[in-house]
Amino acid sequence: MANESQHHRNAISSDNMLALPDRRGIGYVYYHSMLKNGEKIAQIDGNTGVEESYGQLLTRCIRTAITMQIKGIRPGDFISICSPNDVDCVVPYIASLFIGA
């Protein structure tokens, strides 16, 4: 039972229940969080100061996920991302979570 108490200390919980990970995957969680917070600022370009909302980022991630599927990437596939450190680098990462790659 020591393992069980360790599990409870490491889990994020609310006042009334233990929160468990969503079985539909982290892509589902990202999608709905971005959808829910569409008007909020997701990221700011450190060089230009240009802000991007979660709604704008979500649109780019969905388009990229569709393109990845057209190119043949499927759930369970492994992908590699090589990108400079800018506001575009997160898009293929989140898109891959959407499709389960």
PDB file of N, CA and C in Angstrom:
ATOM      1  N   MET A   1       0.802  -1.202   0.000  1.00  0.00           N
ATOM      2  CA  MET A   1       0.000   0.000   0.000  1.00  0.00           C
ATOM      3  C   MET A   1       0.850   1.275   0.000  1.00  0.00           C
ATOM      4  N   ALA A   2       2.158   1.152   0.207  1.00  0.00           N
ATOM      5  CA  ALA A   2       3.026   2.327   0.181  1.00  0.00           C
ATOM      6  C   ALA A   2       2.984   2.985  -1.195  1.00  0.00           C
ATOM      7  N   ASN A   3       2.892   2.167  -2.239  1.00  0.00           N
ATOM      8  CA  ASN A   3       2.792   2.699  -3.596  1.00  0.00           C
ATOM      9  C   ASN A   3       1.542   3.541  -3.777  1.00  0.00           C
ATOM     10  N   GLU A   4       0.443   3.104  -3.168  1.00  0.00           N
ATOM     11  CA  GLU A   4      -0.824   3.802  -3.295  1.00  0.00           C
ATOM     12  C   GLU A   4      -0.748   5.202  -2.695  1.00  0.00           C
ATOM     13  N   SER A   5      -0.155   5.340  -1.505  1.00  0.00           N
ATOM     14  CA  SER A   5      -0.040   6.659  -0.894  1.00  0.00           C
ATOM     15  C   SER A   5       0.908   7.544  -1.706  1.00  0.00           C
ATOM     16  N   GLN A   6       1.939   6.965  -2.294  1.00  0.00           N
ATOM     17  CA  GLN A   6       2.846   7.717  -3.156  1.00  0.00           C
ATOM     18  C   GLN A   6       2.081   8.268  -4.356  1.00  0.00           C
ATOM     19  N   HIS A   7       1.190   7.467  -4.918  1.00  0.00           N
ATOM     20  CA  HIS A   7       0.383   7.889  -6.062  1.00  0.00           C
ATOM     21  C   HIS A   7      -0.440   9.122  -5.691  1.00  0.00           C
ATOM     22  N   HIS A   8      -1.059   9.126  -4.535  1.00  0.00           N
ATOM     23  CA  HIS A   8      -1.907  10.245  -4.128  1.00  0.00           C
ATOM     24  C   HIS A   8      -1.096  11.514  -3.901  1.00  0.00           C
ATOM     25  N   ARG A   9       0.106  11.424  -3.420  1.00  0.00           N
ATOM     26  CA  ARG A   9       0.934  12.610  -3.194  1.00  0.00           C
ATOM     27  C   ARG A   9       1.389  13.232  -4.509  1.00  0.00           C
ATOM     28  N   ASN A  10       1.530  12.434  -5.542  1.00  0.00           N
ATOM     29  CA  ASN A  10       2.036  12.931  -6.816  1.00  0.00           C
ATOM     30  C   ASN A  10       0.939  13.343  -7.794  1.00  0.00           C
ATOM     31  N   ALA A  11      -0.307  13.047  -7.490  1.00  0.00           N
ATOM     32  CA  ALA A  11      -1.406  13.354  -8.399  1.00  0.00           C
ATOM     33  C   ALA A  11      -1.936  14.761  -8.153  1.00  0.00           C
ATOM     34  N   ILE A  12      -2.429  15.377  -9.201  1.00  0.00           N
ATOM     35  CA  ILE A  12      -3.113  16.656  -9.065  1.00  0.00           C
ATOM     36  C   ILE A  12      -4.543  16.326  -8.682  1.00  0.00           C
ATOM     37  N   SER A  13      -5.030  16.921  -7.618  1.00  0.00           N
ATOM     38  CA  SER A  13      -6.383  16.589  -7.176  1.00  0.00           C
ATOM     39  C   SER A  13      -7.176  17.848  -6.871  1.00  0.00           C
ATOM     40  N   SER A  14      -8.488  17.707  -6.918  1.00  0.00           N
ATOM     41  CA  SER A  14      -9.375  18.798  -6.541  1.00  0.00           C
ATOM     42  C   SER A  14      -9.795  18.578  -5.095  1.00  0.00           C
ATOM     43  N   ASP A  15     -10.687  19.410  -4.596  1.00  0.00           N
ATOM     44  CA  ASP A  15     -11.127  19.291  -3.212  1.00  0.00           C
ATOM     45  C   ASP A  15     -11.885  18.000  -2.940  1.00  0.00           C
ATOM     46  N   ASN A  16     -12.589  17.494  -3.943  1.00  0.00           N
ATOM     47  CA  ASN A  16     -13.478  16.369  -3.679  1.00  0.00           C
ATOM     48  C   ASN A  16     -13.099  15.060  -4.354  1.00  0.00           C
ATOM     49  N   MET A  17     -12.104  15.048  -5.210  1.00  0.00           N
ATOM     50  CA  MET A  17     -11.764  13.786  -5.872  1.00  0.00           C
ATOM     51  C   MET A  17     -10.349  13.824  -6.434  1.00  0.00           C
ATOM     52  N   LEU A  18      -9.817  12.672  -6.662  1.00  0.00           N
ATOM     53  CA  LEU A  18      -8.501  12.543  -7.272  1.00  0.00           C
ATOM     54  C   LEU A  18      -8.656  12.714  -8.778  1.00  0.00           C
ATOM     55  N   ALA A  19      -7.915  13.632  -9.363  1.00  0.00           N
ATOM     56  CA  ALA A  19      -7.987  13.854 -10.810  1.00  0.00           C
ATOM     57  C   ALA A  19      -7.112  12.829 -11.520  1.00  0.00           C
ATOM     58  N   LEU A  20      -7.686  12.115 -12.442  1.00  0.00           N
ATOM     59  CA  LEU A  20      -6.949  11.119 -13.215  1.00  0.00           C
ATOM     60  C   LEU A  20      -6.698  11.643 -14.621  1.00  0.00           C
ATOM     61  N   PRO A  21      -5.642  11.187 -15.267  1.00  0.00           N
ATOM     62  CA  PRO A  21      -5.387  11.625 -16.643  1.00  0.00           C
ATOM     63  C   PRO A  21      -6.542  11.249 -17.562  1.00  0.00           C
ATOM     64  N   ASP A  22      -6.828  12.080 -18.525  1.00  0.00           N
ATOM     65  CA  ASP A  22      -7.889  11.804 -19.486  1.00  0.00           C
ATOM     66  C   ASP A  22      -7.464  10.640 -20.371  1.00  0.00           C
ATOM     67  N   ARG A  23      -8.312   9.649 -20.501  1.00  0.00           N
ATOM     68  CA  ARG A  23      -7.993   8.450 -21.284  1.00  0.00           C
ATOM     69  C   ARG A  23      -7.871   8.737 -22.778  1.00  0.00           C
ATOM     70  N   ARG A  24      -8.428   9.864 -23.209  1.00  0.00           N
ATOM     71  CA  ARG A  24      -8.391  10.197 -24.635  1.00  0.00           C
ATOM     72  C   ARG A  24      -7.042  10.747 -25.063  1.00  0.00           C
ATOM     73  N   GLY A  25      -6.166  11.039 -24.116  1.00  0.00           N
ATOM     74  CA  GLY A  25      -4.804  11.454 -24.444  1.00  0.00           C
ATOM     75  C   GLY A  25      -4.538  12.928 -24.211  1.00  0.00           C
ATOM     76  N   ILE A  26      -3.270  13.253 -24.190  1.00  0.00           N
ATOM     77  CA  ILE A  26      -2.849  14.624 -23.921  1.00  0.00           C
ATOM     78  C   ILE A  26      -3.237  15.557 -25.063  1.00  0.00           C
ATOM     79  N   GLY A  27      -3.310  15.050 -26.285  1.00  0.00           N
ATOM     80  CA  GLY A  27      -3.749  15.871 -27.414  1.00  0.00           C
ATOM     81  C   GLY A  27      -5.164  16.376 -27.216  1.00  0.00           C
ATOM     82  N   TYR A  28      -6.033  15.523 -26.690  1.00  0.00           N
ATOM     83  CA  TYR A  28      -7.417  15.899 -26.392  1.00  0.00           C
ATOM     84  C   TYR A  28      -7.444  17.008 -25.347  1.00  0.00           C
ATOM     85  N   VAL A  29      -6.631  16.852 -24.318  1.00  0.00           N
ATOM     86  CA  VAL A  29      -6.565  17.848 -23.245  1.00  0.00           C
ATOM     87  C   VAL A  29      -6.057  19.180 -23.797  1.00  0.00           C
ATOM     88  N   TYR A  30      -4.988  19.151 -24.595  1.00  0.00           N
ATOM     89  CA  TYR A  30      -4.448  20.377 -25.205  1.00  0.00           C
ATOM     90  C   TYR A  30      -5.507  21.054 -26.074  1.00  0.00           C
ATOM     91  N   TYR A  31      -6.163  20.267 -26.927  1.00  0.00           N
ATOM     92  CA  TYR A  31      -7.158  20.816 -27.845  1.00  0.00           C
ATOM     93  C   TYR A  31      -8.249  21.560 -27.088  1.00  0.00           C
ATOM     94  N   HIS A  32      -8.828  20.904 -26.107  1.00  0.00           N
ATOM     95  CA  HIS A  32      -9.944  21.522 -25.387  1.00  0.00           C
ATOM     96  C   HIS A  32      -9.501  22.684 -24.505  1.00  0.00           C
ATOM     97  N   SER A  33      -8.310  22.639 -23.970  1.00  0.00           N
ATOM     98  CA  SER A  33      -7.784  23.769 -23.193  1.00  0.00           C
ATOM     99  C   SER A  33      -7.554  24.975 -24.097  1.00  0.00           C
ATOM    100  N   MET A  34      -7.011  24.730 -25.279  1.00  0.00           N
ATOM    101  CA  MET A  34      -6.776  25.821 -26.223  1.00  0.00           C
ATOM    102  C   MET A  34      -8.094  26.389 -26.735  1.00  0.00           C
ATOM    103  N   LEU A  35      -9.060  25.526 -26.979  1.00  0.00           N
ATOM    104  CA  LEU A  35     -10.377  25.952 -27.441  1.00  0.00           C
ATOM    105  C   LEU A  35     -11.059  26.813 -26.378  1.00  0.00           C
ATOM    106  N   LYS A  36     -10.989  26.370 -25.139  1.00  0.00           N
ATOM    107  CA  LYS A  36     -11.622  27.068 -24.013  1.00  0.00           C
ATOM    108  C   LYS A  36     -10.990  28.440 -23.764  1.00  0.00           C
ATOM    109  N   ASN A  37      -9.701  28.567 -23.994  1.00  0.00           N
ATOM    110  CA  ASN A  37      -8.965  29.800 -23.701  1.00  0.00           C
ATOM    111  C   ASN A  37      -8.585  30.563 -24.963  1.00  0.00           C
ATOM    112  N   GLY A  38      -9.404  30.445 -25.989  1.00  0.00           N
ATOM    113  CA  GLY A  38      -9.089  30.983 -27.308  1.00  0.00           C
ATOM    114  C   GLY A  38      -8.636  32.424 -27.374  1.00  0.00           C
ATOM    115  N   GLU A  39      -9.182  33.295 -26.547  1.00  0.00           N
ATOM    116  CA  GLU A  39      -8.841  34.718 -26.606  1.00  0.00           C
ATOM    117  C   GLU A  39      -7.611  35.072 -25.779  1.00  0.00           C
ATOM    118  N   LYS A  40      -7.185  34.178 -24.903  1.00  0.00           N
ATOM    119  CA  LYS A  40      -6.027  34.460 -24.050  1.00  0.00           C
ATOM    120  C   LYS A  40      -4.726  34.339 -24.842  1.00  0.00           C
ATOM    121  N   ILE A  41      -3.699  35.045 -24.382  1.00  0.00           N
ATOM    122  CA  ILE A  41      -2.403  35.026 -25.056  1.00  0.00           C
ATOM    123  C   ILE A  41      -1.689  33.708 -24.754  1.00  0.00           C
ATOM    124  N   ALA A  42      -1.295  33.011 -25.811  1.00  0.00           N
ATOM    125  CA  ALA A  42      -0.587  31.736 -25.674  1.00  0.00           C
ATOM    126  C   ALA A  42       0.916  31.946 -25.657  1.00  0.00           C
ATOM    127  N   GLN A  43       1.392  32.830 -26.522  1.00  0.00           N
ATOM    128  CA  GLN A  43       2.829  33.063 -26.615  1.00  0.00           C
ATOM    129  C   GLN A  43       3.091  34.448 -27.198  1.00  0.00           C
ATOM    130  N   ILE A  44       4.266  34.953 -26.866  1.00  0.00           N
ATOM    131  CA  ILE A  44       4.714  36.256 -27.353  1.00  0.00           C
ATOM    132  C   ILE A  44       6.089  36.064 -27.990  1.00  0.00           C
ATOM    133  N   ASP A  45       6.235  36.527 -29.213  1.00  0.00           N
ATOM    134  CA  ASP A  45       7.525  36.441 -29.891  1.00  0.00           C
ATOM    135  C   ASP A  45       8.505  37.379 -29.191  1.00  0.00           C
ATOM    136  N   GLY A  46       9.573  36.823 -28.670  1.00  0.00           N
ATOM    137  CA  GLY A  46      10.551  37.602 -27.918  1.00  0.00           C
ATOM    138  C   GLY A  46      11.298  38.622 -28.751  1.00  0.00           C
ATOM    139  N   ASN A  47      11.371  38.409 -30.052  1.00  0.00           N
ATOM    140  CA  ASN A  47      12.088  39.339 -30.933  1.00  0.00           C
ATOM    141  C   ASN A  47      11.211  40.487 -31.418  1.00  0.00           C
ATOM    142  N   THR A  48       9.958  40.180 -31.730  1.00  0.00           N
ATOM    143  CA  THR A  48       9.077  41.192 -32.323  1.00  0.00           C
ATOM    144  C   THR A  48       8.013  41.713 -31.365  1.00  0.00           C
ATOM    145  N   GLY A  49       7.724  40.954 -30.300  1.00  0.00           N
ATOM    146  CA  GLY A  49       6.661  41.341 -29.374  1.00  0.00           C
ATOM    147  C   GLY A  49       5.273  40.968 -29.861  1.00  0.00           C
ATOM    148  N   VAL A  50       5.179  40.305 -31.015  1.00  0.00           N
ATOM    149  CA  VAL A  50       3.890  39.899 -31.566  1.00  0.00           C
ATOM    150  C   VAL A  50       3.280  38.822 -30.675  1.00  0.00           C
ATOM    151  N   GLU A  51       2.006  39.026 -30.327  1.00  0.00           N
ATOM    152  CA  GLU A  51       1.286  38.082 -29.469  1.00  0.00           C
ATOM    153  C   GLU A  51       0.426  37.155 -30.316  1.00  0.00           C
ATOM    154  N   GLU A  52       0.295  35.913 -29.855  1.00  0.00           N
ATOM    155  CA  GLU A  52      -0.565  34.936 -30.520  1.00  0.00           C
ATOM    156  C   GLU A  52      -1.501  34.348 -29.479  1.00  0.00           C
ATOM    157  N   SER A  53      -2.800  34.354 -29.780  1.00  0.00           N
ATOM    158  CA  SER A  53      -3.786  33.801 -28.853  1.00  0.00           C
ATOM    159  C   SER A  53      -3.833  32.281 -28.978  1.00  0.00           C
ATOM    160  N   TYR A  54      -4.463  31.643 -27.992  1.00  0.00           N
ATOM    161  CA  TYR A  54      -4.638  30.193 -28.062  1.00  0.00           C
ATOM    162  C   TYR A  54      -5.501  29.817 -29.259  1.00  0.00           C
ATOM    163  N   GLY A  55      -6.475  30.651 -29.594  1.00  0.00           N
ATOM    164  CA  GLY A  55      -7.313  30.372 -30.756  1.00  0.00           C
ATOM    165  C   GLY A  55      -6.518  30.379 -32.048  1.00  0.00           C
ATOM    166  N   GLN A  56      -5.635  31.367 -32.198  1.00  0.00           N
ATOM    167  CA  GLN A  56      -4.787  31.432 -33.388  1.00  0.00           C
ATOM    168  C   GLN A  56      -3.828  30.246 -33.439  1.00  0.00           C
ATOM    169  N   LEU A  57      -3.241  29.926 -32.306  1.00  0.00           N
ATOM    170  CA  LEU A  57      -2.320  28.791 -32.236  1.00  0.00           C
ATOM    171  C   LEU A  57      -3.053  27.489 -32.536  1.00  0.00           C
ATOM    172  N   LEU A  58      -4.263  27.352 -32.010  1.00  0.00           N
ATOM    173  CA  LEU A  58      -5.055  26.147 -32.258  1.00  0.00           C
ATOM    174  C   LEU A  58      -5.307  25.967 -33.751  1.00  0.00           C
ATOM    175  N   THR A  59      -5.663  27.036 -34.431  1.00  0.00           N
ATOM    176  CA  THR A  59      -5.907  26.958 -35.875  1.00  0.00           C
ATOM    177  C   THR A  59      -4.665  26.466 -36.616  1.00  0.00           C
ATOM    178  N   ARG A  60      -3.506  27.008 -36.272  1.00  0.00           N
ATOM    179  CA  ARG A  60      -2.255  26.579 -36.926  1.00  0.00           C
ATOM    180  C   ARG A  60      -1.940  25.120 -36.616  1.00  0.00           C
ATOM    181  N   CYS A  61      -2.200  24.701 -35.374  1.00  0.00           N
ATOM    182  CA  CYS A  61      -1.919  23.310 -34.986  1.00  0.00           C
ATOM    183  C   CYS A  61      -2.847  22.334 -35.700  1.00  0.00           C
ATOM    184  N   ILE A  62      -4.113  22.707 -35.846  1.00  0.00           N
ATOM    185  CA  ILE A  62      -5.064  21.848 -36.559  1.00  0.00           C
ATOM    186  C   ILE A  62      -4.643  21.701 -38.022  1.00  0.00           C
ATOM    187  N   ARG A  63      -4.299  22.813 -38.657  1.00  0.00           N
ATOM    188  CA  ARG A  63      -3.855  22.756 -40.063  1.00  0.00           C
ATOM    189  C   ARG A  63      -2.619  21.884 -40.219  1.00  0.00           C
ATOM    190  N   THR A  64      -1.700  22.008 -39.283  1.00  0.00           N
ATOM    191  CA  THR A  64      -0.478  21.198 -39.339  1.00  0.00           C
ATOM    192  C   THR A  64      -0.789  19.726 -39.108  1.00  0.00           C
ATOM    193  N   ALA A  65      -1.694  19.430 -38.170  1.00  0.00           N
ATOM    194  CA  ALA A  65      -2.080  18.038 -37.906  1.00  0.00           C
ATOM    195  C   ALA A  65      -2.708  17.408 -39.146  1.00  0.00           C
ATOM    196  N   ILE A  66      -3.555  18.158 -39.833  1.00  0.00           N
ATOM    197  CA  ILE A  66      -4.177  17.650 -41.059  1.00  0.00           C
ATOM    198  C   ILE A  66      -3.109  17.380 -42.121  1.00  0.00           C
ATOM    199  N   THR A  67      -2.174  18.307 -42.275  1.00  0.00           N
ATOM    200  CA  THR A  67      -1.089  18.124 -43.243  1.00  0.00           C
ATOM    201  C   THR A  67      -0.244  16.907 -42.893  1.00  0.00           C
ATOM    202  N   MET A  68       0.043  16.729 -41.607  1.00  0.00           N
ATOM    203  CA  MET A  68       0.829  15.567 -41.177  1.00  0.00           C
ATOM    204  C   MET A  68       0.108  14.269 -41.533  1.00  0.00           C
ATOM    205  N   GLN A  69      -1.219  14.241 -41.340  1.00  0.00           N
ATOM    206  CA  GLN A  69      -1.987  13.045 -41.682  1.00  0.00           C
ATOM    207  C   GLN A  69      -1.981  12.804 -43.190  1.00  0.00           C
ATOM    208  N   ILE A  70      -2.119  13.868 -43.971  1.00  0.00           N
ATOM    209  CA  ILE A  70      -2.066  13.734 -45.431  1.00  0.00           C
ATOM    210  C   ILE A  70      -0.718  13.167 -45.870  1.00  0.00           C
ATOM    211  N   LYS A  71       0.339  13.560 -45.178  1.00  0.00           N
ATOM    212  CA  LYS A  71       1.694  13.075 -45.490  1.00  0.00           C
ATOM    213  C   LYS A  71       1.932  11.651 -44.993  1.00  0.00           C
ATOM    214  N   GLY A  72       0.955  11.082 -44.264  1.00  0.00           N
ATOM    215  CA  GLY A  72       1.060   9.683 -43.856  1.00  0.00           C
ATOM    216  C   GLY A  72       1.405   9.433 -42.400  1.00  0.00           C
ATOM    217  N   ILE A  73       1.497  10.473 -41.590  1.00  0.00           N
ATOM    218  CA  ILE A  73       1.796  10.271 -40.165  1.00  0.00           C
ATOM    219  C   ILE A  73       0.529   9.794 -39.472  1.00  0.00           C
ATOM    220  N   ARG A  74       0.664   8.725 -38.706  1.00  0.00           N
ATOM    221  CA  ARG A  74      -0.471   8.078 -38.050  1.00  0.00           C
ATOM    222  C   ARG A  74      -0.239   7.976 -36.547  1.00  0.00           C
ATOM    223  N   PRO A  75      -1.315   7.696 -35.786  1.00  0.00           N
ATOM    224  CA  PRO A  75      -1.148   7.491 -34.340  1.00  0.00           C
ATOM    225  C   PRO A  75      -0.110   6.412 -34.064  1.00  0.00           C
ATOM    226  N   GLY A  76       0.747   6.681 -33.101  1.00  0.00           N
ATOM    227  CA  GLY A  76       1.791   5.738 -32.731  1.00  0.00           C
ATOM    228  C   GLY A  76       3.102   5.934 -33.468  1.00  0.00           C
ATOM    229  N   ASP A  77       3.079   6.738 -34.534  1.00  0.00           N
ATOM    230  CA  ASP A  77       4.317   7.012 -35.271  1.00  0.00           C
ATOM    231  C   ASP A  77       5.252   7.874 -34.432  1.00  0.00           C
ATOM    232  N   PHE A  78       6.536   7.728 -34.685  1.00  0.00           N
ATOM    233  CA  PHE A  78       7.544   8.576 -34.055  1.00  0.00           C
ATOM    234  C   PHE A  78       7.909   9.677 -35.041  1.00  0.00           C
ATOM    235  N   ILE A  79       8.018  10.891 -34.540  1.00  0.00           N
ATOM    236  CA  ILE A  79       8.437  12.000 -35.393  1.00  0.00           C
ATOM    237  C   ILE A  79       9.599  12.728 -34.728  1.00  0.00           C
ATOM    238  N   SER A  80      10.303  13.498 -35.509  1.00  0.00           N
ATOM    239  CA  SER A  80      11.397  14.320 -34.998  1.00  0.00           C
ATOM    240  C   SER A  80      11.149  15.749 -35.456  1.00  0.00           C
ATOM    241  N   ILE A  81      11.388  16.694 -34.574  1.00  0.00           N
ATOM    242  CA  ILE A  81      11.171  18.101 -34.900  1.00  0.00           C
ATOM    243  C   ILE A  81      12.498  18.844 -34.776  1.00  0.00           C
ATOM    244  N   CYS A  82      12.859  19.540 -35.834  1.00  0.00           N
ATOM    245  CA  CYS A  82      14.061  20.378 -35.824  1.00  0.00           C
ATOM    246  C   CYS A  82      13.606  21.788 -36.171  1.00  0.00           C
ATOM    247  N   SER A  83      13.753  22.704 -35.228  1.00  0.00           N
ATOM    248  CA  SER A  83      13.223  24.041 -35.422  1.00  0.00           C
ATOM    249  C   SER A  83      14.028  25.053 -34.627  1.00  0.00           C
ATOM    250  N   PRO A  84      14.116  26.279 -35.137  1.00  0.00           N
ATOM    251  CA  PRO A  84      14.714  27.325 -34.303  1.00  0.00           C
ATOM    252  C   PRO A  84      13.783  27.625 -33.129  1.00  0.00           C
ATOM    253  N   ASN A  85      14.296  28.272 -32.122  1.00  0.00           N
ATOM    254  CA  ASN A  85      13.500  28.599 -30.946  1.00  0.00           C
ATOM    255  C   ASN A  85      12.680  29.854 -31.228  1.00  0.00           C
ATOM    256  N   ASP A  86      11.504  29.641 -31.809  1.00  0.00           N
ATOM    257  CA  ASP A  86      10.602  30.751 -32.087  1.00  0.00           C
ATOM    258  C   ASP A  86       9.164  30.295 -31.896  1.00  0.00           C
ATOM    259  N   VAL A  87       8.213  31.165 -32.220  1.00  0.00           N
ATOM    260  CA  VAL A  87       6.809  30.847 -31.965  1.00  0.00           C
ATOM    261  C   VAL A  87       6.285  29.712 -32.837  1.00  0.00           C
ATOM    262  N   ASP A  88       6.993  29.356 -33.891  1.00  0.00           N
ATOM    263  CA  ASP A  88       6.543  28.270 -34.761  1.00  0.00           C
ATOM    264  C   ASP A  88       6.954  26.888 -34.269  1.00  0.00           C
ATOM    265  N   CYS A  89       7.922  26.813 -33.372  1.00  0.00           N
ATOM    266  CA  CYS A  89       8.465  25.502 -32.998  1.00  0.00           C
ATOM    267  C   CYS A  89       7.456  24.633 -32.246  1.00  0.00           C
ATOM    268  N   VAL A  90       6.492  25.238 -31.583  1.00  0.00           N
ATOM    269  CA  VAL A  90       5.536  24.458 -30.807  1.00  0.00           C
ATOM    270  C   VAL A  90       4.435  23.845 -31.685  1.00  0.00           C
ATOM    271  N   VAL A  91       4.214  24.397 -32.864  1.00  0.00           N
ATOM    272  CA  VAL A  91       3.099  23.963 -33.717  1.00  0.00           C
ATOM    273  C   VAL A  91       3.182  22.488 -34.113  1.00  0.00           C
ATOM    274  N   PRO A  92       4.278  21.999 -34.689  1.00  0.00           N
ATOM    275  CA  PRO A  92       4.308  20.572 -35.041  1.00  0.00           C
ATOM    276  C   PRO A  92       4.272  19.659 -33.815  1.00  0.00           C
ATOM    277  N   TYR A  93       4.805  20.145 -32.694  1.00  0.00           N
ATOM    278  CA  TYR A  93       4.763  19.343 -31.467  1.00  0.00           C
ATOM    279  C   TYR A  93       3.313  19.130 -31.027  1.00  0.00           C
ATOM    280  N   ILE A  94       2.552  20.205 -30.914  1.00  0.00           N
ATOM    281  CA  ILE A  94       1.152  20.090 -30.490  1.00  0.00           C
ATOM    282  C   ILE A  94       0.344  19.337 -31.540  1.00  0.00           C
ATOM    283  N   ALA A  95       0.603  19.593 -32.819  1.00  0.00           N
ATOM    284  CA  ALA A  95      -0.104  18.884 -33.891  1.00  0.00           C
ATOM    285  C   ALA A  95       0.107  17.381 -33.784  1.00  0.00           C
ATOM    286  N   SER A  96       1.326  16.970 -33.452  1.00  0.00           N
ATOM    287  CA  SER A  96       1.598  15.533 -33.310  1.00  0.00           C
ATOM    288  C   SER A  96       0.835  14.946 -32.130  1.00  0.00           C
ATOM    289  N   LEU A  97       0.639  15.732 -31.072  1.00  0.00           N
ATOM    290  CA  LEU A  97      -0.165  15.258 -29.942  1.00  0.00           C
ATOM    291  C   LEU A  97      -1.620  15.082 -30.363  1.00  0.00           C
ATOM    292  N   PHE A  98      -2.117  15.996 -31.209  1.00  0.00           N
ATOM    293  CA  PHE A  98      -3.495  15.894 -31.690  1.00  0.00           C
ATOM    294  C   PHE A  98      -3.734  14.584 -32.429  1.00  0.00           C
ATOM    295  N   ILE A  99      -2.758  14.129 -33.213  1.00  0.00           N
ATOM    296  CA  ILE A  99      -2.968  12.908 -34.002  1.00  0.00           C
ATOM    297  C   ILE A  99      -2.420  11.661 -33.314  1.00  0.00           C
ATOM    298  N   GLY A 100      -1.819  11.838 -32.156  1.00  0.00           N
ATOM    299  CA  GLY A 100      -1.335  10.682 -31.397  1.00  0.00           C
ATOM    300  C   GLY A 100      -0.004  10.142 -31.855  1.00  0.00           C
ATOM    301  N   ALA A 101       0.756  10.950 -32.577  1.00  0.00           N
ATOM    302  CA  ALA A 101       2.085  10.507 -33.037  1.00  0.00           C
ATOM    303  C   ALA A 101       3.110  10.748 -31.951  1.00  0.00           C
TER     304      ALA A 101
END
